[in-house]
C-alpha atoms as a PDB file:
ATOM      1  CA  MET A   1      51.203 -41.724  95.388  1.00  0.00           C
ATOM      2  CA  HIS A   2      50.907 -44.372  92.714  1.00  0.00           C
ATOM      3  CA  LEU A   3      50.776 -42.978  88.970  1.00  0.00           C
ATOM      4  CA  PRO A   4      48.307 -44.812  86.729  1.00  0.00           C
ATOM      5  CA  TYR A   5      50.653 -44.333  83.687  1.00  0.00           C
ATOM      6  CA  SER A   6      53.646 -46.262  82.472  1.00  0.00           C
ATOM      7  CA  PRO A   7      56.961 -44.371  82.203  1.00  0.00           C
ATOM      8  CA  SER A   8      56.903 -44.400  78.446  1.00  0.00           C
ATOM      9  CA  LEU A   9      53.222 -43.049  78.546  1.00  0.00           C
ATOM     10  CA  LEU A  10      54.155 -40.470  81.083  1.00  0.00           C
ATOM     11  CA  LEU A  11      56.997 -39.204  78.886  1.00  0.00           C
ATOM     12  CA  LEU A  12      54.405 -38.784  75.997  1.00  0.00           C
ATOM     13  CA  LEU A  13      52.071 -36.814  78.395  1.00  0.00           C
ATOM     14  CA  LEU A  14      55.036 -34.586  79.302  1.00  0.00           C
ATOM     15  CA  ALA A  15      55.931 -33.855  75.787  1.00  0.00           C
ATOM     16  CA  ILE A  16      52.229 -33.078  75.029  1.00  0.00           C
ATOM     17  CA  ALA A  17      52.175 -30.618  78.063  1.00  0.00           C
ATOM     18  CA  PHE A  18      55.332 -28.966  76.813  1.00  0.00           C
ATOM     19  CA  LEU A  19      53.827 -28.633  73.340  1.00  0.00           C
ATOM     20  CA  GLY A  20      50.675 -27.144  74.892  1.00  0.00           C
ATOM     21  CA  GLY A  21      52.587 -24.672  76.741  1.00  0.00           C
ATOM     22  CA  ALA A  22      54.841 -23.772  73.788  1.00  0.00           C
ATOM     23  CA  ALA A  23      51.502 -23.077  71.918  1.00  0.00           C
ATOM     24  CA  LYS A  24      50.428 -20.721  74.756  1.00  0.00           C
ATOM     25  CA  GLY A  25      53.836 -18.892  74.939  1.00  0.00           C
ATOM     26  CA  LEU A  26      53.901 -18.440  71.223  1.00  0.00           C
ATOM     27  CA  ALA A  27      50.394 -16.852  70.628  1.00  0.00           C
ATOM     28  CA  GLY A  28      48.823 -16.515  74.028  1.00  0.00           C
ATOM     29  CA  PHE A  29      46.322 -19.335  73.537  1.00  0.00           C
ATOM     30  CA  GLY A  30      46.211 -22.952  72.800  1.00  0.00           C
ATOM     31  CA  GLY A  31      47.335 -24.674  75.627  1.00  0.00           C
ATOM     32  CA  ALA A  32      44.268 -26.717  76.444  1.00  0.00           C
ATOM     33  CA  LEU A  33      43.316 -26.967  72.756  1.00  0.00           C
ATOM     34  CA  VAL A  34      46.608 -28.613  72.041  1.00  0.00           C
ATOM     35  CA  MET A  35      46.656 -30.860  75.100  1.00  0.00           C
ATOM     36  CA  ALA A  36      43.076 -32.283  75.151  1.00  0.00           C
ATOM     37  CA  PRO A  37      42.817 -34.054  71.815  1.00  0.00           C
ATOM     38  CA  LEU A  38      46.313 -35.339  72.088  1.00  0.00           C
ATOM     39  CA  CYS A  39      45.975 -36.568  75.574  1.00  0.00           C
ATOM     40  CA  ALA A  40      42.617 -38.221  74.796  1.00  0.00           C
ATOM     41  CA  MET A  41      44.311 -40.307  72.243  1.00  0.00           C
ATOM     42  CA  LEU A  42      46.517 -41.763  74.861  1.00  0.00           C
ATOM     43  CA  ILE A  43      44.264 -42.136  77.766  1.00  0.00           C
ATOM     44  CA  SER A  44      40.563 -41.865  78.554  1.00  0.00           C
ATOM     45  CA  PRO A  45      38.892 -38.660  77.701  1.00  0.00           C
ATOM     46  CA  GLN A  46      37.819 -38.061  81.323  1.00  0.00           C
ATOM     47  CA  SER A  47      41.276 -38.353  82.520  1.00  0.00           C
ATOM     48  CA  ALA A  48      42.508 -36.278  79.708  1.00  0.00           C
ATOM     49  CA  THR A  49      40.189 -33.559  80.871  1.00  0.00           C
ATOM     50  CA  ALA A  50      41.328 -33.977  84.526  1.00  0.00           C
ATOM     51  CA  LEU A  51      44.942 -33.325  83.465  1.00  0.00           C
ATOM     52  CA  VAL A  52      43.879 -30.253  81.266  1.00  0.00           C
ATOM     53  CA  VAL A  53      41.976 -28.816  84.295  1.00  0.00           C
ATOM     54  CA  PHE A  54      44.524 -29.548  86.924  1.00  0.00           C
ATOM     55  CA  VAL A  55      47.450 -28.215  85.016  1.00  0.00           C
ATOM     56  CA  HIS A  56      45.645 -25.067  84.101  1.00  0.00           C
ATOM     57  CA  CYS A  57      44.332 -24.542  87.718  1.00  0.00           C
ATOM     58  CA  ALA A  58      47.945 -24.439  88.874  1.00  0.00           C
ATOM     59  CA  THR A  59      49.140 -22.339  86.057  1.00  0.00           C
ATOM     60  CA  SER A  60      46.327 -19.719  86.398  1.00  0.00           C
ATOM     61  CA  LEU A  61      47.542 -18.759  89.814  1.00  0.00           C
ATOM     62  CA  GLN A  62      50.673 -17.329  88.392  1.00  0.00           C
ATOM     63  CA  GLY A  63      51.203 -13.614  89.246  1.00  0.00           C
ATOM     64  CA  VAL A  64      47.859 -13.269  91.110  1.00  0.00           C
ATOM     65  CA  ARG A  65      49.052 -10.323  93.143  1.00  0.00           C
ATOM     66  CA  ARG A  66      49.703  -8.327  89.977  1.00  0.00           C
ATOM     67  CA  TRP A  67      46.378  -8.785  88.153  1.00  0.00           C
ATOM     68  CA  THR A  68      43.714  -9.304  90.925  1.00  0.00           C
ATOM     69  CA  HIS A  69      42.991  -5.638  91.479  1.00  0.00           C
ATOM     70  CA  HIS A  70      42.235  -5.147  87.816  1.00  0.00           C
ATOM     71  CA  VAL A  71      39.588  -7.811  87.485  1.00  0.00           C
ATOM     72  CA  GLN A  72      35.957  -6.517  87.152  1.00  0.00           C
ATOM     73  CA  TRP A  73      34.634  -9.028  89.703  1.00  0.00           C
ATOM     74  CA  ARG A  74      31.037  -7.921  89.560  1.00  0.00           C
ATOM     75  CA  ARG A  75      31.024  -9.224  85.928  1.00  0.00           C
ATOM     76  CA  VAL A  76      33.521 -11.985  86.057  1.00  0.00           C
ATOM     77  CA  ALA A  77      32.164 -13.613  89.289  1.00  0.00           C
ATOM     78  CA  PRO A  78      28.571 -14.413  88.233  1.00  0.00           C
ATOM     79  CA  PHE A  79      29.855 -15.569  84.769  1.00  0.00           C
ATOM     80  CA  ALA A  80      32.469 -17.812  86.284  1.00  0.00           C
ATOM     81  CA  ALA A  81      29.907 -19.232  88.815  1.00  0.00           C
ATOM     82  CA  THR A  82      27.588 -20.000  86.052  1.00  0.00           C
ATOM     83  CA  ALA A  83      30.230 -21.781  84.073  1.00  0.00           C
ATOM     84  CA  VAL A  84      31.391 -23.916  87.282  1.00  0.00           C
ATOM     85  CA  PHE A  85      27.751 -25.032  87.721  1.00  0.00           C
ATOM     86  CA  PHE A  86      27.414 -26.266  84.119  1.00  0.00           C
ATOM     87  CA  THR A  87      30.858 -27.840  84.363  1.00  0.00           C
ATOM     88  CA  PHE A  88      29.301 -30.052  87.062  1.00  0.00           C
ATOM     89  CA  ALA A  89      26.008 -30.487  85.302  1.00  0.00           C
ATOM     90  CA  ALA A  90      27.608 -31.368  81.964  1.00  0.00           C
ATOM     91  CA  GLY A  91      30.074 -33.748  83.802  1.00  0.00           C
ATOM     92  CA  LEU A  92      27.373 -35.792  85.051  1.00  0.00           C
ATOM     93  CA  PHE A  93      25.640 -36.007  81.585  1.00  0.00           C
ATOM     94  CA  LEU A  94      28.883 -37.175  80.092  1.00  0.00           C
ATOM     95  CA  ARG A  95      30.087 -39.575  82.895  1.00  0.00           C
ATOM     96  CA  ASN A  96      29.100 -42.555  80.677  1.00  0.00           C
ATOM     97  CA  SER A  97      29.895 -41.325  77.363  1.00  0.00           C
ATOM     98  CA  HIS A  98      31.693 -43.622  75.039  1.00  0.00           C
ATOM     99  CA  PRO A  99      35.440 -42.641  75.007  1.00  0.00           C
ATOM    100  CA  VAL A 100      35.942 -42.623  71.193  1.00  0.00           C
ATOM    101  CA  THR A 101      32.593 -40.444  70.796  1.00  0.00           C
ATOM    102  CA  LEU A 102      33.888 -38.144  73.667  1.00  0.00           C
ATOM    103  CA  ARG A 103      37.206 -37.814  71.949  1.00  0.00           C
ATOM    104  CA  HIS A 104      35.706 -37.034  68.570  1.00  0.00           C
ATOM    105  CA  ILE A 105      33.498 -34.302  70.393  1.00  0.00           C
ATOM    106  CA  VAL A 106      36.846 -32.822  71.747  1.00  0.00           C
ATOM    107  CA  ALA A 107      38.473 -33.041  68.159  1.00  0.00           C
ATOM    108  CA  LEU A 108      35.578 -31.074  66.612  1.00  0.00           C
ATOM    109  CA  CYS A 109      35.433 -28.460  69.468  1.00  0.00           C
ATOM    110  CA  VAL A 110      39.172 -27.905  68.876  1.00  0.00           C
ATOM    111  CA  LEU A 111      38.682 -27.520  65.066  1.00  0.00           C
ATOM    112  CA  ALA A 112      35.625 -25.116  65.400  1.00  0.00           C
ATOM    113  CA  VAL A 113      37.421 -22.910  67.799  1.00  0.00           C
ATOM    114  CA  THR A 114      40.411 -22.780  65.512  1.00  0.00           C
ATOM    115  CA  ALA A 115      38.109 -21.825  62.480  1.00  0.00           C
ATOM    116  CA  LEU A 116      36.560 -19.178  64.475  1.00  0.00           C
ATOM    117  CA  HIS A 117      39.799 -17.770  65.304  1.00  0.00           C
ATOM    118  CA  MET A 118      41.240 -17.802  61.905  1.00  0.00           C
ATOM    119  CA  ARG A 119      38.199 -15.985  60.611  1.00  0.00           C
ATOM    120  CA  GLY A 120      38.855 -13.303  63.297  1.00  0.00           C
ATOM    121  CA  TRP A 121      35.435 -13.730  64.478  1.00  0.00           C
ATOM    122  CA  ARG A 122      34.377 -11.487  67.371  1.00  0.00           C
ATOM    123  CA  TRP A 123      31.217 -11.659  69.669  1.00  0.00           C
ATOM    124  CA  ARG A 124      29.367  -8.306  69.878  1.00  0.00           C
ATOM    125  CA  HIS A 125      27.079  -8.202  72.892  1.00  0.00           C
ATOM    126  CA  ASP A 126      25.725  -5.877  75.628  1.00  0.00           C
ATOM    127  CA  GLY A 127      26.950  -7.803  78.685  1.00  0.00           C
ATOM    128  CA  SER A 128      23.395  -8.486  79.657  1.00  0.00           C
ATOM    129  CA  TRP A 129      22.378 -11.633  81.401  1.00  0.00           C
ATOM    130  CA  LEU A 130      21.548 -13.673  78.212  1.00  0.00           C
ATOM    131  CA  PRO A 131      25.145 -13.482  76.766  1.00  0.00           C
ATOM    132  CA  THR A 132      26.354 -14.097  80.161  1.00  0.00           C
ATOM    133  CA  MET A 133      24.340 -17.015  80.603  1.00  0.00           C
ATOM    134  CA  VAL A 134      25.193 -18.602  77.076  1.00  0.00           C
ATOM    135  CA  ALA A 135      28.885 -17.910  77.456  1.00  0.00           C
ATOM    136  CA  GLY A 136      28.693 -19.533  81.024  1.00  0.00           C
ATOM    137  CA  VAL A 137      26.826 -22.731  79.670  1.00  0.00           C
ATOM    138  CA  LEU A 138      29.145 -23.104  76.817  1.00  0.00           C
ATOM    139  CA  SER A 139      32.323 -22.591  78.979  1.00  0.00           C
ATOM    140  CA  GLY A 140      31.270 -24.991  81.569  1.00  0.00           C
ATOM    141  CA  ALA A 141      30.108 -27.619  78.967  1.00  0.00           C
ATOM    142  CA  LEU A 142      33.458 -27.353  77.223  1.00  0.00           C
ATOM    143  CA  THR A 143      35.433 -27.552  80.381  1.00  0.00           C
ATOM    144  CA  ALA A 144      33.510 -30.908  81.299  1.00  0.00           C
ATOM    145  CA  ILE A 145      34.114 -32.094  77.750  1.00  0.00           C
ATOM    146  CA  GLY A 146      37.928 -31.539  77.478  1.00  0.00           C
ATOM    147  CA  GLY A 147      38.962 -28.569  79.722  1.00  0.00           C
ATOM    148  CA  LEU A 148      38.323 -26.237  76.746  1.00  0.00           C
ATOM    149  CA  GLY A 149      36.408 -23.527  78.789  1.00  0.00           C
ATOM    150  CA  GLY A 150      38.765 -20.668  77.524  1.00  0.00           C
ATOM    151  CA  PRO A 151      37.611 -19.766  74.308  1.00  0.00           C
ATOM    152  CA  PRO A 152      34.002 -18.849  75.183  1.00  0.00           C
ATOM    153  CA  ALA A 153      35.242 -16.901  78.145  1.00  0.00           C
ATOM    154  CA  PHE A 154      37.627 -14.889  75.867  1.00  0.00           C
ATOM    155  CA  TYR A 155      34.956 -14.142  73.140  1.00  0.00           C
ATOM    156  CA  TYR A 156      32.395 -13.106  75.969  1.00  0.00           C
ATOM    157  CA  LEU A 157      35.006 -11.023  78.066  1.00  0.00           C
ATOM    158  CA  ASN A 158      36.529  -9.536  74.922  1.00  0.00           C
ATOM    159  CA  GLY A 159      33.332  -7.774  74.431  1.00  0.00           C
ATOM    160  CA  ILE A 160      33.507  -6.108  77.630  1.00  0.00           C
ATOM    161  CA  ALA A 161      36.998  -4.854  78.083  1.00  0.00           C
ATOM    162  CA  GLN A 162      40.329  -4.715  76.296  1.00  0.00           C
ATOM    163  CA  GLY A 163      43.932  -4.576  77.242  1.00  0.00           C
ATOM    164  CA  THR A 164      45.060  -4.805  80.727  1.00  0.00           C
ATOM    165  CA  ALA A 165      41.342  -5.177  81.929  1.00  0.00           C
ATOM    166  CA  LEU A 166      40.712  -8.120  79.517  1.00  0.00           C
ATOM    167  CA  ARG A 167      43.620 -10.122  80.597  1.00  0.00           C
ATOM    168  CA  ALA A 168      42.892  -9.621  84.147  1.00  0.00           C
ATOM    169  CA  ASN A 169      39.351 -10.742  83.770  1.00  0.00           C
ATOM    170  CA  LEU A 170      40.369 -13.777  81.864  1.00  0.00           C
ATOM    171  CA  LEU A 171      42.855 -14.756  84.741  1.00  0.00           C
ATOM    172  CA  GLY A 172      40.358 -14.041  87.377  1.00  0.00           C
ATOM    173  CA  TYR A 173      37.742 -16.194  85.526  1.00  0.00           C
ATOM    174  CA  PHE A 174      40.345 -18.993  85.044  1.00  0.00           C
ATOM    175  CA  VAL A 175      40.997 -19.045  88.670  1.00  0.00           C
ATOM    176  CA  ILE A 176      37.382 -19.567  89.552  1.00  0.00           C
ATOM    177  CA  LEU A 177      36.641 -21.910  86.635  1.00  0.00           C
ATOM    178  CA  PHE A 178      39.573 -24.301  87.009  1.00  0.00           C
ATOM    179  CA  GLY A 179      39.741 -23.973  90.745  1.00  0.00           C
ATOM    180  CA  GLY A 180      35.888 -24.922  90.983  1.00  0.00           C
ATOM    181  CA  SER A 181      36.274 -27.538  88.241  1.00  0.00           C
ATOM    182  CA  THR A 182      39.430 -29.164  90.106  1.00  0.00           C
ATOM    183  CA  VAL A 183      37.190 -29.450  93.429  1.00  0.00           C
ATOM    184  CA  ILE A 184      34.323 -31.038  91.199  1.00  0.00           C
ATOM    185  CA  LEU A 185      36.727 -33.513  89.527  1.00  0.00           C
ATOM    186  CA  ILE A 186      38.307 -34.617  92.929  1.00  0.00           C
ATOM    187  CA  VAL A 187      34.867 -35.113  94.333  1.00  0.00           C
ATOM    188  CA  SER A 188      33.466 -36.917  91.375  1.00  0.00           C
ATOM    189  CA  GLN A 189      36.185 -38.934  89.838  1.00  0.00           C
ATOM    190  CA  ALA A 190      37.493 -42.186  91.304  1.00  0.00           C
ATOM    191  CA  HIS A 191      41.025 -41.717  89.899  1.00  0.00           C
ATOM    192  CA  ALA A 192      41.187 -37.908  90.277  1.00  0.00           C
ATOM    193  CA  MET A 193      43.934 -37.921  92.884  1.00  0.00           C
ATOM    194  CA  SER A 194      46.299 -40.088  90.749  1.00  0.00           C
ATOM    195  CA  ASN A 195      45.551 -37.659  87.865  1.00  0.00           C
ATOM    196  CA  LEU A 196      46.172 -34.726  90.270  1.00  0.00           C
ATOM    197  CA  ALA A 197      49.530 -36.193  90.948  1.00  0.00           C
ATOM    198  CA  THR A 198      50.345 -36.762  87.262  1.00  0.00           C
ATOM    199  CA  ALA A 199      49.345 -33.106  86.542  1.00  0.00           C
ATOM    200  CA  LEU A 200      51.780 -31.953  89.206  1.00  0.00           C
ATOM    201  CA  LEU A 201      54.567 -33.589  87.079  1.00  0.00           C
ATOM    202  CA  LEU A 202      53.081 -31.911  83.888  1.00  0.00           C
ATOM    203  CA  VAL A 203      52.975 -28.257  85.192  1.00  0.00           C
ATOM    204  CA  PRO A 204      56.828 -27.901  85.015  1.00  0.00           C
ATOM    205  CA  ALA A 205      56.777 -29.163  81.579  1.00  0.00           C
ATOM    206  CA  PHE A 206      53.894 -27.010  80.531  1.00  0.00           C
ATOM    207  CA  ALA A 207      55.699 -23.875  82.139  1.00  0.00           C
ATOM    208  CA  CYS A 208      59.001 -24.740  80.443  1.00  0.00           C
ATOM    209  CA  GLY A 209      56.998 -24.667  77.004  1.00  0.00           C
ATOM    210  CA  VAL A 210      55.362 -21.361  77.845  1.00  0.00           C
ATOM    211  CA  MET A 211      58.936 -19.779  78.769  1.00  0.00           C
ATOM    212  CA  LEU A 212      60.405 -21.210  75.451  1.00  0.00           C
ATOM    213  CA  GLY A 213      57.342 -20.154  73.388  1.00  0.00           C
ATOM    214  CA  GLU A 214      57.542 -16.540  74.852  1.00  0.00           C
ATOM    215  CA  ARG A 215      61.333 -16.334  73.973  1.00  0.00           C
ATOM    216  CA  VAL A 216      60.610 -17.453  70.193  1.00  0.00           C
ATOM    217  CA  ALA A 217      57.636 -15.117  70.082  1.00  0.00           C
ATOM    218  CA  ARG A 218      59.785 -12.216  70.914  1.00  0.00           C
ATOM    219  CA  LYS A 219      62.024 -12.606  67.815  1.00  0.00           C
ATOM    220  CA  LEU A 220      59.453 -13.344  65.092  1.00  0.00           C
ATOM    221  CA  PRO A 221      56.314 -11.782  63.793  1.00  0.00           C
ATOM    222  CA  ALA A 222      53.221 -12.350  65.760  1.00  0.00           C
ATOM    223  CA  LEU A 223      51.198 -13.216  62.617  1.00  0.00           C
ATOM    224  CA  TRP A 224      53.665 -16.120  62.149  1.00  0.00           C
ATOM    225  CA  MET A 225      53.474 -17.570  65.416  1.00  0.00           C
ATOM    226  CA  ASP A 226      49.510 -17.320  65.225  1.00  0.00           C
ATOM    227  CA  ARG A 227      49.819 -19.391  62.014  1.00  0.00           C
ATOM    228  CA  VAL A 228      52.019 -21.901  63.692  1.00  0.00           C
ATOM    229  CA  VAL A 229      49.779 -22.482  66.461  1.00  0.00           C
ATOM    230  CA  CYS A 230      46.674 -22.686  64.154  1.00  0.00           C
ATOM    231  CA  VAL A 231      48.347 -25.470  62.149  1.00  0.00           C
ATOM    232  CA  LEU A 232      49.177 -27.285  65.447  1.00  0.00           C
ATOM    233  CA  LEU A 233      45.811 -27.008  66.537  1.00  0.00           C
ATOM    234  CA  ILE A 234      44.274 -28.257  63.321  1.00  0.00           C
ATOM    235  CA  ALA A 235      46.757 -31.152  63.196  1.00  0.00           C
ATOM    236  CA  SER A 236      45.937 -32.108  66.831  1.00  0.00           C
ATOM    237  CA  GLY A 237      42.279 -31.963  66.257  1.00  0.00           C
ATOM    238  CA  ALA A 238      42.344 -33.743  62.952  1.00  0.00           C
ATOM    239  CA  ALA A 239      44.503 -36.572  64.538  1.00  0.00           C
ATOM    240  CA  ALA A 240      41.975 -36.995  67.357  1.00  0.00           C
ATOM    241  CA  LEU A 241      39.224 -37.034  64.941  1.00  0.00           C
ATOM    242  CA  ILE A 242      40.526 -39.632  62.623  1.00  0.00           C
ATOM    243  CA  SER A 243      41.986 -41.947  65.449  1.00  0.00           C
END
């Protein structure tokens, strides 16, 4: 399949995927938050979103047999279904958005999420239909904007479960969210298949970054790694905002 990007641009996208994977390996988060603004500086925000979603769809399936029986599907499935629906709805709304405006929105979202993380904010809720709907709408909209549906899911699910259950719920949620979003993008985007082919090349780079980040994280204090990733997120968000 013909790739839509030149070899030099593809190398830059591979480097960004590796950097995003390294951030995730270091601190357990930040892959999409690194990739979305930096990719949007090189290609259209819509294509950047597709790459982020496709890469995370592939990586979300890792170790599925180990965690699937820990997922609280009665809570996760309705939440994920809501997010997938609003990914589709927000995608229709944003289809004709100006690329620069959309890139700046992605950058502001990255900076806002980073600020919340640095402040240690937690969402305390009762798990009723209202917070579920709010989180689903936010996660779906941010997925359509830049593949950034993870943070609202984390804050919502963190209010329901901790430890192994939280991790399993997140992984189960991401399988539905990014799987459903992948289908939506393939159906709705004219160049989705070429971006899918590109994403297949980015997945190994992302995975190598994760493995390297995890190795480094085992040798250094977690607080250091968290700060490094936060600085990286601020830098990527600021760069996309001023470009």
